[in-house]
Amino acid sequence: MVELHWPWILILLPLPWLCYQLFRPAPREESALHVPFYRTITQLTDSSSSSTTVRRRWSLFFLILIWIALLLAASQPRWVGEPVPISSNARDLMLAVDLSRSMEIRDLTLNGQHVDRLTVVKSVLDDFLTRRKGDRLGLILFGSQAYLQAPLTFDQDTLRILLEESFIGMAGSYTAIGDAIGLSIKQLRKRPAESRILILLTDGNNSAGQVKPLQAAKLAAKENIKIYTIGVGAEEMIQPGILGSPLGRRKVNPSSDLDEKTLKTIAEKTGGRYFRAKNTEQLEDIYQQLDKLEPVEQEAQLFRPIKVLHYWPLGFALLISLLWAGFILAQSSQRWSMRKS
């Protein structure tokens, strides 16, 4: 059904009429100059008095329609659908994704091509989100600082778009793991104690931020927040030689900065688990294991889909304004042609 979110705005409908009644226009001052041929001019203009009256009435009609349409738009009309039950076995999952510069290392493969780590994470998380129907998810992106990109929500489509639009370095070049955990605690502490879960994915060690990771983990444990940590990145990578030739080619470990010890400690302190993803297949397997987390019974909830409709009266007001402008231009051109003739 269609309803008005702010119906009280419609009490302003008679406002223009009240202004007209309370604030009369200033009286016209009589001219002291006597014009002998004024009577002749008046007689010539009497023939157009009827058209002037019609023009004023049409203008008043257009203004009334525009005023009504603007008030309807301001009252926030919206379509509210039928209640949709949400599974009582839903879980509250906060996702924290690392966007530091090290995520641009191209040591993983996707569909047979070498891509950066973030591209693989986005691909795997997209499938993960698709399987989370009925769960409440949130998204935190962190680099040198941690940012709440999406609070806990049932809207996985919007969450997926926000994740897809993220890019490496948008939160800074370094890695603030402790701040990401702290921000997650702030979002999850208000949820039922049995359903507070954080999935943190990173490829490095804590190199920025105000909160130490282990301190944040202790606070998370006090708040009954279970943290699952994921270390992503290959352990072996061939670095090309000079101008891409075999000369100077060497084998390196692109995950040498990964602090697995701290990630394991964070998971242990909070009752979670540490996972190591050295390739795309292992990362997919990790999220399939996370799918098997025990669901938490929550109160049954009803969700009513809402679609805003304010753009319809706004569009109508714009259309009427264009028609009114066209009407005025037509009348003006008609009067101009009559004067020339």
C-alpha atoms as a PDB file:
ATOM      1  CA  MET A   1       0.000   0.000   0.000  1.00  0.00           C
ATOM      2  CA  VAL A   2       0.984   3.646  -0.431  1.00  0.00           C
ATOM      3  CA  GLU A   3       1.440   5.808   2.661  1.00  0.00           C
ATOM      4  CA  LEU A   4       2.841   9.210   3.591  1.00  0.00           C
ATOM      5  CA  HIS A   5       5.799   9.142   5.950  1.00  0.00           C
ATOM      6  CA  TRP A   6       5.213  12.770   7.043  1.00  0.00           C
ATOM      7  CA  PRO A   7       1.496  13.397   6.409  1.00  0.00           C
ATOM      8  CA  TRP A   8       1.445  16.433   8.713  1.00  0.00           C
ATOM      9  CA  ILE A   9       3.170  18.452   5.977  1.00  0.00           C
ATOM     10  CA  LEU A  10      -0.155  18.564   4.115  1.00  0.00           C
ATOM     11  CA  ILE A  11      -1.497  21.046   6.684  1.00  0.00           C
ATOM     12  CA  LEU A  12       0.509  23.626   4.734  1.00  0.00           C
ATOM     13  CA  LEU A  13      -1.870  23.317   1.763  1.00  0.00           C
ATOM     14  CA  PRO A  14      -3.810  26.524   2.575  1.00  0.00           C
ATOM     15  CA  LEU A  15      -0.630  28.508   3.320  1.00  0.00           C
ATOM     16  CA  PRO A  16      -0.610  30.511   0.016  1.00  0.00           C
ATOM     17  CA  TRP A  17      -4.283  31.433   0.492  1.00  0.00           C
ATOM     18  CA  LEU A  18      -3.630  32.532   4.083  1.00  0.00           C
ATOM     19  CA  CYS A  19      -0.703  34.669   2.956  1.00  0.00           C
ATOM     20  CA  TYR A  20      -2.936  36.276   0.323  1.00  0.00           C
ATOM     21  CA  GLN A  21      -5.622  37.017   2.901  1.00  0.00           C
ATOM     22  CA  LEU A  22      -3.301  38.288   5.629  1.00  0.00           C
ATOM     23  CA  PHE A  23      -0.871  40.257   3.515  1.00  0.00           C
ATOM     24  CA  ARG A  24      -2.731  42.352   0.995  1.00  0.00           C
ATOM     25  CA  PRO A  25      -0.741  43.873  -1.867  1.00  0.00           C
ATOM     26  CA  ALA A  26       0.315  47.497  -1.411  1.00  0.00           C
ATOM     27  CA  PRO A  27      -2.213  49.976  -2.825  1.00  0.00           C
ATOM     28  CA  ARG A  28      -1.336  51.520  -6.136  1.00  0.00           C
ATOM     29  CA  GLU A  29      -0.397  55.161  -6.091  1.00  0.00           C
ATOM     30  CA  GLU A  30      -2.404  57.408  -8.397  1.00  0.00           C
ATOM     31  CA  SER A  31      -0.332  59.118 -11.041  1.00  0.00           C
ATOM     32  CA  ALA A  32      -0.225  62.903 -10.854  1.00  0.00           C
ATOM     33  CA  LEU A  33       0.396  63.148 -14.570  1.00  0.00           C
ATOM     34  CA  HIS A  34      -2.663  63.709 -16.723  1.00  0.00           C
ATOM     35  CA  VAL A  35      -2.605  61.753 -20.007  1.00  0.00           C
ATOM     36  CA  PRO A  36      -5.212  63.121 -22.470  1.00  0.00           C
ATOM     37  CA  PHE A  37      -5.242  60.018 -24.621  1.00  0.00           C
ATOM     38  CA  TYR A  38      -5.452  57.559 -21.714  1.00  0.00           C
ATOM     39  CA  ARG A  39      -9.170  56.908 -22.382  1.00  0.00           C
ATOM     40  CA  THR A  40      -8.348  55.911 -25.961  1.00  0.00           C
ATOM     41  CA  ILE A  41      -5.642  53.500 -24.742  1.00  0.00           C
ATOM     42  CA  THR A  42      -8.085  51.988 -22.245  1.00  0.00           C
ATOM     43  CA  GLN A  43     -10.614  51.357 -24.950  1.00  0.00           C
ATOM     44  CA  LEU A  44      -7.998  49.651 -27.088  1.00  0.00           C
ATOM     45  CA  THR A  45      -6.963  47.347 -24.221  1.00  0.00           C
ATOM     46  CA  ASP A  46     -10.499  46.434 -23.166  1.00  0.00           C
ATOM     47  CA  SER A  47     -10.613  43.916 -25.982  1.00  0.00           C
ATOM     48  CA  SER A  48      -7.764  41.939 -24.386  1.00  0.00           C
ATOM     49  CA  SER A  49      -9.107  42.061 -20.818  1.00  0.00           C
ATOM     50  CA  SER A  50     -10.912  38.738 -21.213  1.00  0.00           C
ATOM     51  CA  SER A  51      -7.738  36.994 -22.428  1.00  0.00           C
ATOM     52  CA  THR A  52      -5.842  38.496 -19.495  1.00  0.00           C
ATOM     53  CA  THR A  53      -8.412  37.035 -17.085  1.00  0.00           C
ATOM     54  CA  VAL A  54      -8.088  33.618 -18.713  1.00  0.00           C
ATOM     55  CA  ARG A  55      -4.304  33.832 -18.513  1.00  0.00           C
ATOM     56  CA  ARG A  56      -4.401  34.671 -14.815  1.00  0.00           C
ATOM     57  CA  ARG A  57      -6.788  31.818 -14.072  1.00  0.00           C
ATOM     58  CA  TRP A  58      -4.582  29.329 -15.901  1.00  0.00           C
ATOM     59  CA  SER A  59      -1.516  30.643 -14.105  1.00  0.00           C
ATOM     60  CA  LEU A  60      -3.299  30.268 -10.764  1.00  0.00           C
ATOM     61  CA  PHE A  61      -4.317  26.723 -11.720  1.00  0.00           C
ATOM     62  CA  PHE A  62      -0.719  25.788 -12.604  1.00  0.00           C
ATOM     63  CA  LEU A  63       0.608  27.296  -9.361  1.00  0.00           C
ATOM     64  CA  ILE A  64      -1.905  25.368  -7.273  1.00  0.00           C
ATOM     65  CA  LEU A  65      -0.937  22.087  -8.938  1.00  0.00           C
ATOM     66  CA  ILE A  66       2.778  22.770  -8.424  1.00  0.00           C
ATOM     67  CA  TRP A  67       2.222  23.626  -4.759  1.00  0.00           C
ATOM     68  CA  ILE A  68       0.229  20.436  -4.139  1.00  0.00           C
ATOM     69  CA  ALA A  69       2.838  18.295  -5.925  1.00  0.00           C
ATOM     70  CA  LEU A  70       5.707  19.807  -3.915  1.00  0.00           C
ATOM     71  CA  LEU A  71       3.890  19.202  -0.625  1.00  0.00           C
ATOM     72  CA  LEU A  72       3.183  15.600  -1.614  1.00  0.00           C
ATOM     73  CA  ALA A  73       6.876  15.073  -2.404  1.00  0.00           C
ATOM     74  CA  ALA A  74       7.897  16.642   0.924  1.00  0.00           C
ATOM     75  CA  SER A  75       5.522  14.336   2.821  1.00  0.00           C
ATOM     76  CA  GLN A  76       7.639  11.354   1.615  1.00  0.00           C
ATOM     77  CA  PRO A  77       5.130   9.065  -0.120  1.00  0.00           C
ATOM     78  CA  ARG A  78       6.273   5.456  -0.211  1.00  0.00           C
ATOM     79  CA  TRP A  79       5.025   2.039  -1.110  1.00  0.00           C
ATOM     80  CA  VAL A  80       5.069  -0.427   1.782  1.00  0.00           C
ATOM     81  CA  GLY A  81       4.859  -4.087   0.842  1.00  0.00           C
ATOM     82  CA  GLU A  82       3.402  -6.981   2.751  1.00  0.00           C
ATOM     83  CA  PRO A  83       5.365  -8.222   5.792  1.00  0.00           C
ATOM     84  CA  VAL A  84       8.057 -10.726   4.869  1.00  0.00           C
ATOM     85  CA  PRO A  85       9.207 -13.090   7.649  1.00  0.00           C
ATOM     86  CA  ILE A  86      12.948 -13.295   8.265  1.00  0.00           C
ATOM     87  CA  SER A  87      14.522 -16.523   9.391  1.00  0.00           C
ATOM     88  CA  SER A  88      14.904 -16.755  13.147  1.00  0.00           C
ATOM     89  CA  ASN A  89      18.163 -18.646  12.611  1.00  0.00           C
ATOM     90  CA  ALA A  90      19.914 -15.560  11.264  1.00  0.00           C
ATOM     91  CA  ARG A  91      23.450 -14.670  12.272  1.00  0.00           C
ATOM     92  CA  ASP A  92      25.135 -11.311  12.753  1.00  0.00           C
ATOM     93  CA  LEU A  93      28.362 -11.312  10.750  1.00  0.00           C
ATOM     94  CA  MET A  94      30.675  -8.331  10.487  1.00  0.00           C
ATOM     95  CA  LEU A  95      33.179  -8.546   7.628  1.00  0.00           C
ATOM     96  CA  ALA A  96      36.466  -6.623   7.949  1.00  0.00           C
ATOM     97  CA  VAL A  97      38.468  -6.464   4.702  1.00  0.00           C
ATOM     98  CA  ASP A  98      42.044  -5.198   4.368  1.00  0.00           C
ATOM     99  CA  LEU A  99      42.548  -2.535   1.640  1.00  0.00           C
ATOM    100  CA  SER A 100      46.205  -1.747   2.337  1.00  0.00           C
ATOM    101  CA  ARG A 101      48.719  -1.381  -0.493  1.00  0.00           C
ATOM    102  CA  SER A 102      49.995  -4.930  -0.062  1.00  0.00           C
ATOM    103  CA  MET A 103      46.620  -6.197  -1.338  1.00  0.00           C
ATOM    104  CA  GLU A 104      47.647  -5.171  -4.849  1.00  0.00           C
ATOM    105  CA  ILE A 105      50.272  -7.943  -5.066  1.00  0.00           C
ATOM    106  CA  ARG A 106      49.346 -10.187  -7.997  1.00  0.00           C
ATOM    107  CA  ASP A 107      50.224 -13.551  -6.465  1.00  0.00           C
ATOM    108  CA  LEU A 108      46.826 -15.257  -6.805  1.00  0.00           C
ATOM    109  CA  THR A 109      45.010 -16.619  -9.840  1.00  0.00           C
ATOM    110  CA  LEU A 110      41.362 -16.260 -10.806  1.00  0.00           C
ATOM    111  CA  ASN A 111      39.948 -17.991 -13.883  1.00  0.00           C
ATOM    112  CA  GLY A 112      43.497 -18.813 -15.008  1.00  0.00           C
ATOM    113  CA  GLN A 113      44.780 -15.222 -14.768  1.00  0.00           C
ATOM    114  CA  HIS A 114      47.108 -13.607 -12.247  1.00  0.00           C
ATOM    115  CA  VAL A 115      45.190 -10.921 -10.332  1.00  0.00           C
ATOM    116  CA  ASP A 116      45.687  -8.913  -7.173  1.00  0.00           C
ATOM    117  CA  ARG A 117      44.540 -10.216  -3.823  1.00  0.00           C
ATOM    118  CA  LEU A 118      41.601  -7.850  -3.469  1.00  0.00           C
ATOM    119  CA  THR A 119      40.087  -9.038  -6.755  1.00  0.00           C
ATOM    120  CA  VAL A 120      40.111 -12.620  -5.481  1.00  0.00           C
ATOM    121  CA  VAL A 121      38.638 -11.560  -2.141  1.00  0.00           C
ATOM    122  CA  LYS A 122      35.796  -9.710  -3.891  1.00  0.00           C
ATOM    123  CA  SER A 123      35.022 -12.724  -6.055  1.00  0.00           C
ATOM    124  CA  VAL A 124      34.940 -15.177  -3.165  1.00  0.00           C
ATOM    125  CA  LEU A 125      32.994 -12.823  -0.891  1.00  0.00           C
ATOM    126  CA  ASP A 126      30.401 -12.298  -3.615  1.00  0.00           C
ATOM    127  CA  ASP A 127      29.561 -16.007  -3.525  1.00  0.00           C
ATOM    128  CA  PHE A 128      29.692 -15.964   0.262  1.00  0.00           C
ATOM    129  CA  LEU A 129      27.160 -13.113   0.457  1.00  0.00           C
ATOM    130  CA  THR A 130      24.852 -14.903  -1.962  1.00  0.00           C
ATOM    131  CA  ARG A 131      24.643 -17.836   0.431  1.00  0.00           C
ATOM    132  CA  ARG A 132      23.854 -15.659   3.449  1.00  0.00           C
ATOM    133  CA  LYS A 133      20.152 -15.174   2.758  1.00  0.00           C
ATOM    134  CA  GLY A 134      18.437 -14.148   5.994  1.00  0.00           C
ATOM    135  CA  ASP A 135      21.650 -13.234   7.809  1.00  0.00           C
ATOM    136  CA  ARG A 136      22.500  -9.750   8.964  1.00  0.00           C
ATOM    137  CA  LEU A 137      25.879  -8.604   7.637  1.00  0.00           C
ATOM    138  CA  GLY A 138      28.036  -5.509   7.981  1.00  0.00           C
ATOM    139  CA  LEU A 139      31.182  -4.333   6.215  1.00  0.00           C
ATOM    140  CA  ILE A 140      34.303  -2.638   7.565  1.00  0.00           C
ATOM    141  CA  LEU A 141      37.116  -1.578   5.244  1.00  0.00           C
ATOM    142  CA  PHE A 142      40.477  -0.839   6.822  1.00  0.00           C
ATOM    143  CA  GLY A 143      43.918   0.340   5.839  1.00  0.00           C
ATOM    144  CA  SER A 144      45.736   3.000   7.826  1.00  0.00           C
ATOM    145  CA  GLN A 145      42.324   3.621   9.400  1.00  0.00           C
ATOM    146  CA  ALA A 146      39.148   1.580   9.752  1.00  0.00           C
ATOM    147  CA  TYR A 147      35.860   2.750   8.271  1.00  0.00           C
ATOM    148  CA  LEU A 148      32.338   1.420   8.668  1.00  0.00           C
ATOM    149  CA  GLN A 149      31.189   0.989   5.078  1.00  0.00           C
ATOM    150  CA  ALA A 150      27.862  -0.670   5.933  1.00  0.00           C
ATOM    151  CA  PRO A 151      26.271  -1.321   9.339  1.00  0.00           C
ATOM    152  CA  LEU A 152      24.606  -4.636  10.064  1.00  0.00           C
ATOM    153  CA  THR A 153      21.881  -5.046   7.461  1.00  0.00           C
ATOM    154  CA  PHE A 154      19.792  -7.621   5.625  1.00  0.00           C
ATOM    155  CA  ASP A 155      20.446  -5.819   2.343  1.00  0.00           C
ATOM    156  CA  GLN A 156      23.156  -8.025   0.848  1.00  0.00           C
ATOM    157  CA  ASP A 157      22.774  -6.398  -2.572  1.00  0.00           C
ATOM    158  CA  THR A 158      23.853  -2.997  -1.271  1.00  0.00           C
ATOM    159  CA  LEU A 159      26.643  -4.607   0.733  1.00  0.00           C
ATOM    160  CA  ARG A 160      27.871  -6.366  -2.396  1.00  0.00           C
ATOM    161  CA  ILE A 161      27.887  -3.072  -4.332  1.00  0.00           C
ATOM    162  CA  LEU A 162      29.831  -1.292  -1.587  1.00  0.00           C
ATOM    163  CA  LEU A 163      32.408  -4.066  -1.536  1.00  0.00           C
ATOM    164  CA  GLU A 164      32.733  -4.063  -5.317  1.00  0.00           C
ATOM    165  CA  GLU A 165      33.264  -0.279  -5.364  1.00  0.00           C
ATOM    166  CA  SER A 166      36.100  -0.468  -2.830  1.00  0.00           C
ATOM    167  CA  PHE A 167      39.656  -0.157  -4.094  1.00  0.00           C
ATOM    168  CA  ILE A 168      43.164  -0.630  -2.773  1.00  0.00           C
ATOM    169  CA  GLY A 169      44.452   2.324  -0.777  1.00  0.00           C
ATOM    170  CA  MET A 170      41.075   4.020  -0.246  1.00  0.00           C
ATOM    171  CA  ALA A 171      41.526   3.583   3.529  1.00  0.00           C
ATOM    172  CA  GLY A 172      45.261   4.239   3.528  1.00  0.00           C
ATOM    173  CA  SER A 173      48.411   2.340   2.663  1.00  0.00           C
ATOM    174  CA  TYR A 174      49.088   0.632   6.006  1.00  0.00           C
ATOM    175  CA  THR A 175      47.177  -1.917   8.114  1.00  0.00           C
ATOM    176  CA  ALA A 176      45.202  -1.036  11.253  1.00  0.00           C
ATOM    177  CA  ILE A 177      44.013  -4.455  12.416  1.00  0.00           C
ATOM    178  CA  GLY A 178      43.375  -3.321  15.991  1.00  0.00           C
ATOM    179  CA  ASP A 179      41.230  -0.381  14.886  1.00  0.00           C
ATOM    180  CA  ALA A 180      39.184  -2.659  12.611  1.00  0.00           C
ATOM    181  CA  ILE A 181      38.475  -4.997  15.540  1.00  0.00           C
ATOM    182  CA  GLY A 182      37.608  -2.050  17.772  1.00  0.00           C
ATOM    183  CA  LEU A 183      35.138  -0.667  15.248  1.00  0.00           C
ATOM    184  CA  SER A 184      33.583  -4.108  14.889  1.00  0.00           C
ATOM    185  CA  ILE A 185      33.129  -4.331  18.655  1.00  0.00           C
ATOM    186  CA  LYS A 186      31.269  -1.031  18.604  1.00  0.00           C
ATOM    187  CA  GLN A 187      28.859  -2.394  15.988  1.00  0.00           C
ATOM    188  CA  LEU A 188      28.360  -5.873  17.463  1.00  0.00           C
ATOM    189  CA  ARG A 189      28.136  -5.167  21.180  1.00  0.00           C
ATOM    190  CA  LYS A 190      24.441  -4.220  20.898  1.00  0.00           C
ATOM    191  CA  ARG A 191      23.488  -7.505  19.262  1.00  0.00           C
ATOM    192  CA  PRO A 192      22.521 -10.721  21.139  1.00  0.00           C
ATOM    193  CA  ALA A 193      25.563 -12.118  22.935  1.00  0.00           C
ATOM    194  CA  GLU A 194      25.412 -15.465  21.105  1.00  0.00           C
ATOM    195  CA  SER A 195      25.420 -13.969  17.610  1.00  0.00           C
ATOM    196  CA  ARG A 196      28.420 -11.620  17.601  1.00  0.00           C
ATOM    197  CA  ILE A 197      30.803 -12.809  14.907  1.00  0.00           C
ATOM    198  CA  LEU A 198      33.625 -10.997  13.131  1.00  0.00           C
ATOM    199  CA  ILE A 199      35.407 -12.337  10.038  1.00  0.00           C
ATOM    200  CA  LEU A 200      38.657 -10.425   9.563  1.00  0.00           C
ATOM    201  CA  LEU A 201      40.713 -10.804   6.385  1.00  0.00           C
ATOM    202  CA  THR A 202      44.205  -9.357   6.003  1.00  0.00           C
ATOM    203  CA  ASP A 203      47.505 -10.053   4.263  1.00  0.00           C
ATOM    204  CA  GLY A 204      49.920  -8.253   6.566  1.00  0.00           C
ATOM    205  CA  ASN A 205      50.655  -7.189  10.118  1.00  0.00           C
ATOM    206  CA  ASN A 206      49.411  -4.329  12.257  1.00  0.00           C
ATOM    207  CA  SER A 207      51.373  -1.265  11.133  1.00  0.00           C
ATOM    208  CA  ALA A 208      48.974   1.590  11.944  1.00  0.00           C
ATOM    209  CA  GLY A 209      46.069   2.587  14.154  1.00  0.00           C
ATOM    210  CA  GLN A 210      45.505   3.573  17.771  1.00  0.00           C
ATOM    211  CA  VAL A 211      44.553   0.161  19.201  1.00  0.00           C
ATOM    212  CA  LYS A 212      46.841  -2.838  19.484  1.00  0.00           C
ATOM    213  CA  PRO A 213      45.334  -6.016  17.973  1.00  0.00           C
ATOM    214  CA  LEU A 214      45.703  -8.126  21.112  1.00  0.00           C
ATOM    215  CA  GLN A 215      44.173  -5.402  23.286  1.00  0.00           C
ATOM    216  CA  ALA A 216      41.238  -5.248  20.907  1.00  0.00           C
ATOM    217  CA  ALA A 217      40.980  -9.046  21.024  1.00  0.00           C
ATOM    218  CA  LYS A 218      40.752  -8.986  24.839  1.00  0.00           C
ATOM    219  CA  LEU A 219      37.943  -6.458  24.666  1.00  0.00           C
ATOM    220  CA  ALA A 220      36.194  -8.542  22.012  1.00  0.00           C
ATOM    221  CA  ALA A 221      36.410 -11.607  24.257  1.00  0.00           C
ATOM    222  CA  LYS A 222      34.789  -9.651  27.112  1.00  0.00           C
ATOM    223  CA  GLU A 223      31.962  -8.698  24.760  1.00  0.00           C
ATOM    224  CA  ASN A 224      31.507 -12.341  23.656  1.00  0.00           C
ATOM    225  CA  ILE A 225      32.536 -11.525  20.095  1.00  0.00           C
ATOM    226  CA  LYS A 226      33.970 -14.473  18.219  1.00  0.00           C
ATOM    227  CA  ILE A 227      36.643 -13.518  15.672  1.00  0.00           C
ATOM    228  CA  TYR A 228      37.622 -15.653  12.702  1.00  0.00           C
ATOM    229  CA  THR A 229      40.857 -14.418  11.137  1.00  0.00           C
ATOM    230  CA  ILE A 230      41.994 -15.148   7.593  1.00  0.00           C
ATOM    231  CA  GLY A 231      45.514 -14.619   6.312  1.00  0.00           C
ATOM    232  CA  VAL A 232      45.537 -14.316   2.543  1.00  0.00           C
ATOM    233  CA  GLY A 233      48.467 -14.423   0.118  1.00  0.00           C
ATOM    234  CA  ALA A 234      50.693 -16.962  -1.617  1.00  0.00           C
ATOM    235  CA  GLU A 235      53.927 -18.151  -0.006  1.00  0.00           C
ATOM    236  CA  GLU A 236      55.818 -18.418  -3.262  1.00  0.00           C
ATOM    237  CA  MET A 237      56.044 -16.095  -6.246  1.00  0.00           C
ATOM    238  CA  ILE A 238      58.436 -15.845  -9.180  1.00  0.00           C
ATOM    239  CA  GLN A 239      59.729 -12.319  -9.596  1.00  0.00           C
ATOM    240  CA  PRO A 240      60.669 -11.640 -13.237  1.00  0.00           C
ATOM    241  CA  GLY A 241      64.181 -10.641 -14.198  1.00  0.00           C
ATOM    242  CA  ILE A 242      65.507  -7.728 -16.214  1.00  0.00           C
ATOM    243  CA  LEU A 243      63.002  -6.687 -18.907  1.00  0.00           C
ATOM    244  CA  GLY A 244      61.045  -9.860 -18.208  1.00  0.00           C
ATOM    245  CA  SER A 245      63.939 -12.135 -19.141  1.00  0.00           C
ATOM    246  CA  PRO A 246      65.178 -15.111 -17.078  1.00  0.00           C
ATOM    247  CA  LEU A 247      68.223 -13.034 -16.153  1.00  0.00           C
ATOM    248  CA  GLY A 248      67.857 -12.065 -12.498  1.00  0.00           C
ATOM    249  CA  ARG A 249      64.624 -14.020 -11.983  1.00  0.00           C
ATOM    250  CA  ARG A 250      64.168 -15.121  -8.397  1.00  0.00           C
ATOM    251  CA  LYS A 251      61.674 -16.783  -6.105  1.00  0.00           C
ATOM    252  CA  VAL A 252      60.255 -14.651  -3.265  1.00  0.00           C
ATOM    253  CA  ASN A 253      57.726 -14.996  -0.466  1.00  0.00           C
ATOM    254  CA  PRO A 254      55.095 -12.251  -1.007  1.00  0.00           C
ATOM    255  CA  SER A 255      53.512 -13.058   2.372  1.00  0.00           C
ATOM    256  CA  SER A 256      56.610 -12.493   4.466  1.00  0.00           C
ATOM    257  CA  ASP A 257      54.885  -9.612   6.298  1.00  0.00           C
ATOM    258  CA  LEU A 258      51.888 -11.696   7.308  1.00  0.00           C
ATOM    259  CA  ASP A 259      51.725 -11.858  11.116  1.00  0.00           C
ATOM    260  CA  GLU A 260      50.205 -15.304  11.530  1.00  0.00           C
ATOM    261  CA  LYS A 261      51.088 -15.484  15.212  1.00  0.00           C
ATOM    262  CA  THR A 262      48.996 -12.439  16.075  1.00  0.00           C
ATOM    263  CA  LEU A 263      46.090 -13.593  13.909  1.00  0.00           C
ATOM    264  CA  LYS A 264      46.116 -16.999  15.591  1.00  0.00           C
ATOM    265  CA  THR A 265      46.202 -15.395  19.059  1.00  0.00           C
ATOM    266  CA  ILE A 266      43.274 -13.115  18.201  1.00  0.00           C
ATOM    267  CA  ALA A 267      41.203 -16.095  17.091  1.00  0.00           C
ATOM    268  CA  GLU A 268      42.142 -18.193  20.134  1.00  0.00           C
ATOM    269  CA  LYS A 269      41.373 -15.436  22.653  1.00  0.00           C
ATOM    270  CA  THR A 270      37.872 -14.930  21.226  1.00  0.00           C
ATOM    271  CA  GLY A 271      36.939 -18.561  20.630  1.00  0.00           C
ATOM    272  CA  GLY A 272      37.318 -18.287  16.877  1.00  0.00           C
ATOM    273  CA  ARG A 273      39.703 -19.888  14.433  1.00  0.00           C
ATOM    274  CA  TYR A 274      42.574 -18.842  12.173  1.00  0.00           C
ATOM    275  CA  PHE A 275      42.565 -19.783   8.486  1.00  0.00           C
ATOM    276  CA  ARG A 276      45.366 -19.554   5.956  1.00  0.00           C
ATOM    277  CA  ALA A 277      44.455 -18.929   2.307  1.00  0.00           C
ATOM    278  CA  LYS A 278      47.423 -19.388  -0.016  1.00  0.00           C
ATOM    279  CA  ASN A 279      45.313 -19.516  -3.172  1.00  0.00           C
ATOM    280  CA  THR A 280      41.802 -18.866  -4.435  1.00  0.00           C
ATOM    281  CA  GLU A 281      40.628 -22.437  -3.851  1.00  0.00           C
ATOM    282  CA  GLN A 282      41.695 -22.361  -0.200  1.00  0.00           C
ATOM    283  CA  LEU A 283      39.922 -19.038   0.322  1.00  0.00           C
ATOM    284  CA  GLU A 284      36.719 -20.453  -1.158  1.00  0.00           C
ATOM    285  CA  ASP A 285      37.027 -23.498   1.092  1.00  0.00           C
ATOM    286  CA  ILE A 286      37.481 -21.258   4.135  1.00  0.00           C
ATOM    287  CA  TYR A 287      34.246 -19.398   3.493  1.00  0.00           C
ATOM    288  CA  GLN A 288      32.445 -22.696   2.954  1.00  0.00           C
ATOM    289  CA  GLN A 289      33.655 -23.768   6.382  1.00  0.00           C
ATOM    290  CA  LEU A 290      32.462 -20.483   7.823  1.00  0.00           C
ATOM    291  CA  ASP A 291      29.037 -21.245   6.339  1.00  0.00           C
ATOM    292  CA  LYS A 292      28.842 -24.146   8.766  1.00  0.00           C
ATOM    293  CA  LEU A 293      28.894 -21.929  11.862  1.00  0.00           C
ATOM    294  CA  GLU A 294      26.155 -22.860  14.279  1.00  0.00           C
ATOM    295  CA  PRO A 295      23.145 -20.578  13.730  1.00  0.00           C
ATOM    296  CA  VAL A 296      21.962 -18.518  16.672  1.00  0.00           C
ATOM    297  CA  GLU A 297      18.293 -18.443  17.593  1.00  0.00           C
ATOM    298  CA  GLN A 298      16.999 -14.881  17.524  1.00  0.00           C
ATOM    299  CA  GLU A 299      13.582 -13.359  17.863  1.00  0.00           C
ATOM    300  CA  ALA A 300      11.497 -13.786  14.750  1.00  0.00           C
ATOM    301  CA  GLN A 301      11.320 -10.559  12.782  1.00  0.00           C
ATOM    302  CA  LEU A 302       9.130  -9.214  10.022  1.00  0.00           C
ATOM    303  CA  PHE A 303      10.519  -7.087   7.242  1.00  0.00           C
ATOM    304  CA  ARG A 304       8.306  -4.841   5.110  1.00  0.00           C
ATOM    305  CA  PRO A 305       9.911  -3.783   1.818  1.00  0.00           C
ATOM    306  CA  ILE A 306       9.709  -0.033   1.272  1.00  0.00           C
ATOM    307  CA  LYS A 307      10.051   1.843  -2.018  1.00  0.00           C
ATOM    308  CA  VAL A 308      10.186   5.644  -2.008  1.00  0.00           C
ATOM    309  CA  LEU A 309       7.844   7.445  -4.415  1.00  0.00           C
ATOM    310  CA  HIS A 310       8.633  11.128  -3.846  1.00  0.00           C
ATOM    311  CA  TYR A 311      10.199  11.456  -7.287  1.00  0.00           C
ATOM    312  CA  TRP A 312       6.754  11.026  -8.918  1.00  0.00           C
ATOM    313  CA  PRO A 313       5.188  14.222  -7.504  1.00  0.00           C
ATOM    314  CA  LEU A 314       8.491  16.017  -8.046  1.00  0.00           C
ATOM    315  CA  GLY A 315       8.467  14.987 -11.682  1.00  0.00           C
ATOM    316  CA  PHE A 316       4.835  16.079 -11.965  1.00  0.00           C
ATOM    317  CA  ALA A 317       5.722  19.493 -10.498  1.00  0.00           C
ATOM    318  CA  LEU A 318       8.547  19.842 -13.025  1.00  0.00           C
ATOM    319  CA  LEU A 319       6.206  18.912 -15.896  1.00  0.00           C
ATOM    320  CA  ILE A 320       3.590  21.437 -14.794  1.00  0.00           C
ATOM    321  CA  SER A 321       6.309  24.110 -14.480  1.00  0.00           C
ATOM    322  CA  LEU A 322       7.387  23.447 -18.075  1.00  0.00           C
ATOM    323  CA  LEU A 323       3.783  23.598 -19.302  1.00  0.00           C
ATOM    324  CA  TRP A 324       3.250  26.844 -17.418  1.00  0.00           C
ATOM    325  CA  ALA A 325       6.405  28.348 -18.904  1.00  0.00           C
ATOM    326  CA  GLY A 326       5.270  27.294 -22.377  1.00  0.00           C
ATOM    327  CA  PHE A 327       1.844  28.799 -21.785  1.00  0.00           C
ATOM    328  CA  ILE A 328       3.377  32.129 -20.716  1.00  0.00           C
ATOM    329  CA  LEU A 329       5.689  32.195 -23.740  1.00  0.00           C
ATOM    330  CA  ALA A 330       2.785  31.461 -26.084  1.00  0.00           C
ATOM    331  CA  GLN A 331       0.700  34.242 -24.558  1.00  0.00           C
ATOM    332  CA  SER A 332       3.597  36.683 -24.747  1.00  0.00           C
ATOM    333  CA  SER A 333       4.270  35.917 -28.413  1.00  0.00           C
ATOM    334  CA  GLN A 334       0.559  36.300 -29.165  1.00  0.00           C
ATOM    335  CA  ARG A 335       0.428  39.740 -27.524  1.00  0.00           C
ATOM    336  CA  TRP A 336       3.587  40.792 -29.354  1.00  0.00           C
ATOM    337  CA  SER A 337       2.133  39.794 -32.710  1.00  0.00           C
ATOM    338  CA  MET A 338      -1.076  41.703 -31.933  1.00  0.00           C
ATOM    339  CA  ARG A 339       0.885  44.853 -31.103  1.00  0.00           C
ATOM    340  CA  LYS A 340       2.872  44.646 -34.323  1.00  0.00           C
ATOM    341  CA  SER A 341      -0.317  44.281 -36.326  1.00  0.00           C
END
